[in-house]
């Protein structure tokens, strides 16, 4: 049994979990101080640089997974440490106790497991969706020649493709966030020769026209990734984005995650906190699919109205007489 296999076994062992959380509790004051320093500096830097605050969360999650050894992502490891406003002290204070507790126990918290297994809650969606989007790229990239990452943020999938992959990658994002990322990539020496950057605001500009101007061929099938974006757009912008994808070649695919109206309307403590936190960062939650059960049918209707058809879908959250699904993962196809 190799070292990685031992980690996989121990992550589910009750004794290991007890040891991990006891150590985490003992070191919690250090971790809390680290979070205060990290988040405070990140929010301040984000407001001054125009960089998306919500793009920093997934990068941090991938950084943790890499350092715990659950998901290789060297580009994320390098990018996080040059992120504007990042506090090296905050990072050390947060990760030190986590890595120490992990090494002492062998336990891996659910949020950092890869591939992710089990029920996906709102609290761990940003980590769980890594498995979904990675699987999409692994399954479909061999059959396509164009990969388009919409609202790329600090996504690193284009830099993790095999060296022999015959795929041209495009990253579409707002000008300010993209400019910062390109500076970070240059600073860390990450090779960007196979990536074309397209600066565009989904709510204000025709990103597809800009994409075509920079070499995208709309007559050839493409794979679009749309991770953690739809819920921050208004309904019109979300539909416009999907309709543009629908206008590309037959067989093109778009993989995305989404929220329903449940977390936008719920009075639960976590939902209210999530809405307040995103609003405070300047990126409020705006759009959700109708949560009337079955929400999968509401999603299919919405996607159909945009000219696409659902190929795969997973509902997140229970649908009962009193509970509503809060989101999901899906793949839609151009027919």
Protein backbone atom coordinates (compact mmCIF):
# COMPACT_ATOMS: atom_id res chain seq x y z
CA UNK A 1 0.00 0.00 0.00
CA UNK A 2 1.52 3.34 -1.00
CA UNK A 3 1.43 6.58 0.97
CA UNK A 4 -1.53 7.98 -0.93
CA UNK A 5 -3.58 4.80 -0.36
CA UNK A 6 -2.87 5.07 3.37
CA UNK A 7 -4.26 8.61 3.38
CA UNK A 8 -7.42 7.44 1.61
CA UNK A 9 -8.00 4.73 4.24
CA UNK A 10 -7.26 6.93 7.24
CA UNK A 11 -9.48 9.78 6.10
CA UNK A 12 -12.52 7.64 7.02
CA UNK A 13 -11.14 6.11 10.22
CA UNK A 14 -13.10 7.39 13.29
CA UNK A 15 -9.99 7.41 15.51
CA UNK A 16 -8.06 9.48 12.98
CA UNK A 17 -10.95 11.93 12.78
CA UNK A 18 -11.01 12.32 16.56
CA UNK A 19 -7.27 12.99 16.68
CA UNK A 20 -7.51 15.45 13.79
CA UNK A 21 -10.34 17.50 15.32
CA UNK A 22 -8.89 17.47 18.83
CA UNK A 23 -5.65 18.92 17.50
CA UNK A 24 -7.61 21.40 15.36
CA UNK A 25 -9.58 22.57 18.39
CA UNK A 26 -6.42 23.03 20.43
CA UNK A 27 -4.87 25.10 17.63
CA UNK A 28 -8.07 26.95 16.70
CA UNK A 29 -6.95 30.36 18.08
CA UNK A 30 -3.97 30.26 15.69
CA UNK A 31 -6.18 29.27 12.76
CA UNK A 32 -8.75 31.96 13.55
CA UNK A 33 -6.09 34.64 13.69
CA UNK A 34 -4.82 33.46 10.33
CA UNK A 35 -8.29 33.67 8.77
CA UNK A 36 -8.81 37.18 10.11
CA UNK A 37 -5.51 38.32 8.63
CA UNK A 38 -6.03 36.48 5.32
CA UNK A 39 -9.64 37.44 4.68
CA UNK A 40 -9.22 41.01 5.86
CA UNK A 41 -6.26 41.64 3.61
CA UNK A 42 -7.87 39.80 0.66
CA UNK A 43 -11.07 41.85 0.89
CA UNK A 44 -9.14 45.10 1.13
CA UNK A 45 -6.92 44.20 -1.83
CA UNK A 46 -9.88 43.01 -3.89
CA UNK A 47 -11.72 46.31 -3.51
CA UNK A 48 -8.65 48.29 -4.51
CA UNK A 49 -7.59 46.10 -7.43
CA UNK A 50 -11.01 45.25 -8.84
CA UNK A 51 -10.16 41.55 -8.60
CA UNK A 52 -13.08 39.19 -8.02
CA UNK A 53 -13.22 38.12 -4.38
CA UNK A 54 -15.30 35.05 -5.22
CA UNK A 55 -12.52 33.86 -7.56
CA UNK A 56 -10.12 33.63 -4.64
CA UNK A 57 -12.10 30.99 -2.70
CA UNK A 58 -11.78 28.18 -5.29
CA UNK A 59 -8.08 28.95 -5.74
CA UNK A 60 -7.56 28.60 -1.98
CA UNK A 61 -9.48 25.29 -1.94
CA UNK A 62 -7.31 23.88 -4.75
CA UNK A 63 -4.20 25.12 -2.95
CA UNK A 64 -5.22 23.21 0.20
CA UNK A 65 -5.97 20.06 -1.79
CA UNK A 66 -2.58 20.23 -3.46
CA UNK A 67 -0.72 20.66 -0.18
CA UNK A 68 -2.68 17.83 1.46
CA UNK A 69 -1.75 15.61 -1.48
CA UNK A 70 -5.30 14.88 -2.61
CA UNK A 71 -5.28 16.73 -5.96
CA UNK A 72 -2.15 17.76 -7.84
CA UNK A 73 -2.26 21.41 -8.89
CA UNK A 74 1.18 23.00 -8.97
CA UNK A 75 -0.12 26.09 -10.83
CA UNK A 76 -2.59 26.82 -8.00
CA UNK A 77 0.16 26.40 -5.42
CA UNK A 78 2.29 28.97 -7.20
CA UNK A 79 -0.50 31.42 -8.02
CA UNK A 80 -1.93 31.71 -4.53
CA UNK A 81 1.33 32.92 -3.09
CA UNK A 82 1.52 35.87 -5.51
CA UNK A 83 -2.16 36.79 -5.28
CA UNK A 84 -2.49 40.56 -4.67
CA UNK A 85 -3.03 41.20 -1.00
CA UNK A 86 -2.18 37.67 0.10
CA UNK A 87 -0.69 37.49 3.57
CA UNK A 88 2.10 34.91 3.87
CA UNK A 89 1.68 35.12 7.64
CA UNK A 90 -2.06 34.47 7.36
CA UNK A 91 -1.42 31.47 5.09
CA UNK A 92 1.10 30.00 7.53
CA UNK A 93 -1.20 30.49 10.51
CA UNK A 94 -4.10 28.77 8.74
CA UNK A 95 -2.28 25.94 7.03
CA UNK A 96 0.21 25.13 9.77
CA UNK A 97 -2.36 23.69 12.21
CA UNK A 98 -4.28 21.97 9.40
CA UNK A 99 -1.19 20.24 7.98
CA UNK A 100 0.08 19.33 11.44
CA UNK A 101 -3.26 17.76 12.42
CA UNK A 102 -3.36 15.90 9.11
CA UNK A 103 0.18 14.54 9.42
CA UNK A 104 -0.43 13.44 13.00
CA UNK A 105 -3.71 11.68 12.22
CA UNK A 106 -3.72 10.91 8.49
CA UNK A 107 -7.26 12.32 8.37
CA UNK A 108 -8.50 14.51 5.52
CA UNK A 109 -11.52 16.80 6.11
CA UNK A 110 -14.42 16.26 3.71
CA UNK A 111 -13.98 19.67 2.09
CA UNK A 112 -10.51 18.73 0.83
CA UNK A 113 -11.11 15.14 -0.28
CA UNK A 114 -10.57 14.28 -3.90
CA UNK A 115 -12.36 12.84 -5.66
CA UNK A 116 -15.21 14.21 -3.58
CA UNK A 117 -17.67 11.63 -2.30
CA UNK A 118 -20.97 11.83 -0.44
CA UNK A 119 -23.56 14.55 0.04
CA UNK A 120 -22.62 17.98 -1.28
CA UNK A 121 -23.67 20.78 1.08
CA UNK A 122 -23.51 24.48 0.27
CA UNK A 123 -20.53 24.79 2.60
CA UNK A 124 -18.36 22.42 0.53
CA UNK A 125 -19.74 23.06 -2.98
CA UNK A 126 -16.66 25.02 -4.08
CA UNK A 127 -14.46 22.01 -3.27
CA UNK A 128 -16.87 19.30 -4.44
CA UNK A 129 -17.33 20.85 -7.86
CA UNK A 130 -13.61 20.37 -8.57
CA UNK A 131 -14.31 16.68 -9.06
CA UNK A 132 -17.23 17.40 -11.39
CA UNK A 133 -15.36 19.86 -13.65
CA UNK A 134 -12.14 17.83 -13.67
CA UNK A 135 -14.10 14.76 -14.77
CA UNK A 136 -15.73 16.78 -17.56
CA UNK A 137 -12.34 17.90 -18.88
CA UNK A 138 -10.90 14.39 -18.63
CA UNK A 139 -13.86 12.84 -20.45
CA UNK A 140 -14.43 15.36 -23.21
CA UNK A 141 -11.17 17.19 -23.96
CA UNK A 142 -9.71 14.29 -26.02
CA UNK A 143 -12.54 14.70 -28.53
CA UNK A 144 -12.47 18.46 -28.96
CA UNK A 145 -9.91 21.00 -30.17
CA UNK A 146 -11.19 24.06 -28.26
CA UNK A 147 -11.60 24.56 -24.51
CA UNK A 148 -13.26 27.79 -23.36
CA UNK A 149 -13.27 28.72 -19.67
CA UNK A 150 -15.96 31.32 -19.06
CA UNK A 151 -15.41 33.57 -16.05
CA UNK A 152 -12.04 31.88 -15.64
CA UNK A 153 -10.97 33.72 -12.50
CA UNK A 154 -7.91 31.90 -11.18
CA UNK A 155 -8.80 28.57 -12.80
CA UNK A 156 -5.73 26.49 -13.64
CA UNK A 157 -7.13 23.67 -15.79
CA UNK A 158 -5.65 25.03 -19.02
CA UNK A 159 -2.20 24.77 -17.42
CA UNK A 160 -2.75 21.19 -16.21
CA UNK A 161 -3.56 19.69 -19.60
CA UNK A 162 -1.14 17.02 -20.85
CA UNK A 163 1.75 18.38 -22.88
CA UNK A 164 0.58 16.41 -25.91
CA UNK A 165 -3.05 17.57 -25.69
CA UNK A 166 -4.22 18.94 -29.04
CA UNK A 167 -6.49 21.52 -27.44
CA UNK A 168 -6.44 25.28 -27.81
CA UNK A 169 -7.59 26.95 -24.60
CA UNK A 170 -9.37 30.29 -24.17
CA UNK A 171 -9.99 32.12 -20.90
CA UNK A 172 -12.78 34.71 -20.79
CA UNK A 173 -13.00 37.08 -17.82
CA UNK A 174 -13.40 40.71 -16.80
CA UNK A 175 -10.48 42.93 -17.84
CA UNK A 176 -9.28 43.75 -14.30
CA UNK A 177 -9.31 40.19 -12.97
CA UNK A 178 -7.69 38.88 -16.13
CA UNK A 179 -4.96 41.53 -16.07
CA UNK A 180 -4.08 40.59 -12.49
CA UNK A 181 -4.04 36.89 -13.34
CA UNK A 182 -1.78 37.41 -16.36
CA UNK A 183 0.62 39.33 -14.16
CA UNK A 184 0.58 36.48 -11.63
CA UNK A 185 1.20 33.87 -14.35
CA UNK A 186 4.16 35.86 -15.65
CA UNK A 187 5.58 36.32 -12.16
CA UNK A 188 5.44 32.59 -11.42
CA UNK A 189 6.78 31.55 -14.82
CA UNK A 190 3.78 29.41 -15.76
CA UNK A 191 3.69 28.67 -19.49
CA UNK A 192 0.72 30.41 -21.16
CA UNK A 193 1.63 29.81 -24.80
CA UNK A 194 -1.36 27.50 -25.36
CA UNK A 195 -3.87 29.89 -23.78
CA UNK A 196 -5.63 32.84 -25.43
CA UNK A 197 -6.98 35.50 -23.06
CA UNK A 198 -10.27 37.22 -23.88
CA UNK A 199 -11.20 40.23 -21.74
CA UNK A 200 -14.97 40.76 -21.58
CA UNK A 201 -17.77 41.60 -19.13
CA UNK A 202 -20.62 39.07 -19.46
CA UNK A 203 -23.24 41.62 -18.47
CA UNK A 204 -22.04 44.39 -20.78
CA UNK A 205 -20.14 42.96 -23.76
CA UNK A 206 -20.42 40.40 -26.54
CA UNK A 207 -17.83 37.94 -25.28
CA UNK A 208 -18.45 35.51 -28.15
CA UNK A 209 -17.61 38.15 -30.78
CA UNK A 210 -14.38 38.90 -28.95
CA UNK A 211 -13.65 35.20 -28.68
CA UNK A 212 -14.05 34.74 -32.42
CA UNK A 213 -11.89 37.78 -33.13
CA UNK A 214 -9.08 36.11 -31.17
CA UNK A 215 -9.18 32.82 -33.06
CA UNK A 216 -12.08 30.76 -31.74
CA UNK A 217 -13.79 28.79 -34.52
CA UNK A 218 -17.58 28.68 -33.90
CA UNK A 219 -17.95 26.01 -36.61
CA UNK A 220 -15.89 23.48 -34.63
CA UNK A 221 -17.24 21.77 -31.48
CA UNK A 222 -15.93 23.20 -28.23
CA UNK A 223 -16.07 22.43 -24.53
CA UNK A 224 -17.16 25.37 -22.36
CA UNK A 225 -16.57 25.39 -18.59
CA UNK A 226 -18.73 27.80 -16.59
CA UNK A 227 -17.78 27.31 -12.95
CA UNK A 228 -19.15 29.43 -10.14
CA UNK A 229 -20.46 32.17 -12.42
CA UNK A 230 -24.16 31.84 -13.24
CA UNK A 231 -25.39 32.75 -9.75
CA UNK A 232 -23.57 36.10 -9.89
CA UNK A 233 -25.19 37.22 -13.16
CA UNK A 234 -28.67 38.59 -13.69
CA UNK A 235 -31.15 36.38 -15.54
CA UNK A 236 -30.74 38.20 -18.84
CA UNK A 237 -26.94 37.85 -18.80
CA UNK A 238 -27.17 34.16 -17.87
CA UNK A 239 -29.57 33.46 -20.74
CA UNK A 240 -27.50 35.53 -23.15
CA UNK A 241 -24.38 33.52 -22.28
CA UNK A 242 -26.15 30.20 -22.86
CA UNK A 243 -27.68 31.39 -26.12
CA UNK A 244 -24.24 32.36 -27.40
CA UNK A 245 -22.98 28.87 -26.58
CA UNK A 246 -26.05 27.46 -28.39
CA UNK A 247 -25.03 29.38 -31.51
CA UNK A 248 -21.73 27.48 -31.77
CA UNK A 249 -21.14 24.17 -33.56
CA UNK A 250 -23.39 21.17 -33.07
CA UNK A 251 -21.95 18.89 -30.42
CA UNK A 252 -20.45 21.69 -28.34
CA UNK A 253 -20.88 21.24 -24.59
CA UNK A 254 -21.13 23.54 -21.60
CA UNK A 255 -20.57 22.27 -18.06
CA UNK A 256 -21.80 24.50 -15.23
CA UNK A 257 -22.92 24.65 -11.65
CA UNK A 258 -25.98 26.59 -10.57
CA UNK A 259 -28.12 27.64 -7.63
CA UNK A 260 -31.87 27.52 -7.37
CA UNK A 261 -33.95 30.32 -5.92
CA UNK A 262 -33.87 28.51 -2.54
CA UNK A 263 -30.57 29.99 -1.20
CA UNK A 264 -31.55 33.40 -2.62
CA UNK A 265 -34.78 33.40 -0.60
CA UNK A 266 -34.13 31.10 2.36
CA UNK A 267 -34.15 32.54 5.88
CA UNK A 268 -31.70 29.91 7.16
CA UNK A 269 -28.68 31.29 8.99
CA UNK A 270 -26.18 29.99 6.43
CA UNK A 271 -28.12 31.31 3.42
CA UNK A 272 -28.42 34.73 5.00
CA UNK A 273 -24.71 34.71 5.81
CA UNK A 274 -23.82 33.68 2.23
CA UNK A 275 -25.95 36.47 0.77
CA UNK A 276 -24.49 39.03 3.16
CA UNK A 277 -20.91 37.91 2.52
CA UNK A 278 -21.17 38.03 -1.28
CA UNK A 279 -22.95 41.38 -1.13
CA UNK A 280 -20.24 42.80 1.13
CA UNK A 281 -17.59 41.66 -1.36
CA UNK A 282 -19.38 43.57 -4.12
CA UNK A 283 -20.53 40.38 -5.90
CA UNK A 284 -24.07 39.60 -4.67
CA UNK A 285 -25.95 36.44 -5.56
CA UNK A 286 -28.43 37.40 -8.29
CA UNK A 287 -29.86 34.43 -10.13
CA UNK A 288 -31.27 31.02 -9.32
CA UNK A 289 -33.25 28.38 -11.19
CA UNK A 290 -36.86 27.96 -10.03
CA UNK A 291 -36.73 25.56 -7.08
CA UNK A 292 -40.28 24.19 -7.54
CA UNK A 293 -39.87 20.37 -7.47
CA UNK A 294 -38.57 18.70 -9.45
CA UNK A 295 -35.99 21.44 -9.96
CA UNK A 296 -34.28 19.32 -12.64
CA UNK A 297 -37.32 19.90 -14.85
CA UNK A 298 -37.21 23.64 -14.18
CA UNK A 299 -33.54 23.60 -15.21
CA UNK A 300 -34.31 21.68 -18.40
CA UNK A 301 -37.00 24.22 -19.28
CA UNK A 302 -34.62 27.13 -18.70
CA UNK A 303 -31.81 25.53 -20.69
CA UNK A 304 -34.25 24.58 -23.48
CA UNK A 305 -35.39 28.20 -23.75
CA UNK A 306 -31.74 29.10 -24.42
CA UNK A 307 -31.48 26.62 -27.31
CA UNK A 308 -29.61 23.85 -25.49
CA UNK A 309 -30.48 20.40 -24.16
CA UNK A 310 -29.46 18.88 -20.84
CA UNK A 311 -27.04 15.99 -21.28
CA UNK A 312 -26.28 15.27 -17.62
CA UNK A 313 -27.53 16.72 -14.36
CA UNK A 314 -27.11 16.23 -10.61
CA UNK A 315 -29.43 17.89 -8.12
CA UNK A 316 -27.89 19.18 -4.89
CA UNK A 317 -30.09 19.24 -1.80
CA UNK A 318 -33.22 17.31 -0.89
CA UNK A 319 -36.57 17.84 -2.55
CA UNK A 320 -39.44 17.03 -0.19
CA UNK A 321 -42.71 18.59 0.86
CA UNK A 322 -40.81 21.05 3.06
CA UNK A 323 -37.30 21.13 1.56
CA UNK A 324 -36.09 22.44 -1.77
CA UNK A 325 -32.96 21.64 -3.76
CA UNK A 326 -30.48 24.51 -3.51
CA UNK A 327 -28.41 23.88 -6.66
CA UNK A 328 -26.80 21.39 -8.98
CA UNK A 329 -24.18 20.41 -11.55
CA UNK A 330 -25.08 19.99 -15.21
CA UNK A 331 -23.84 19.56 -18.77
CA UNK A 332 -25.81 20.95 -21.72
CA UNK A 333 -25.23 20.20 -25.38
CA UNK A 334 -25.74 22.06 -28.65
CA UNK A 335 -28.12 19.91 -30.72
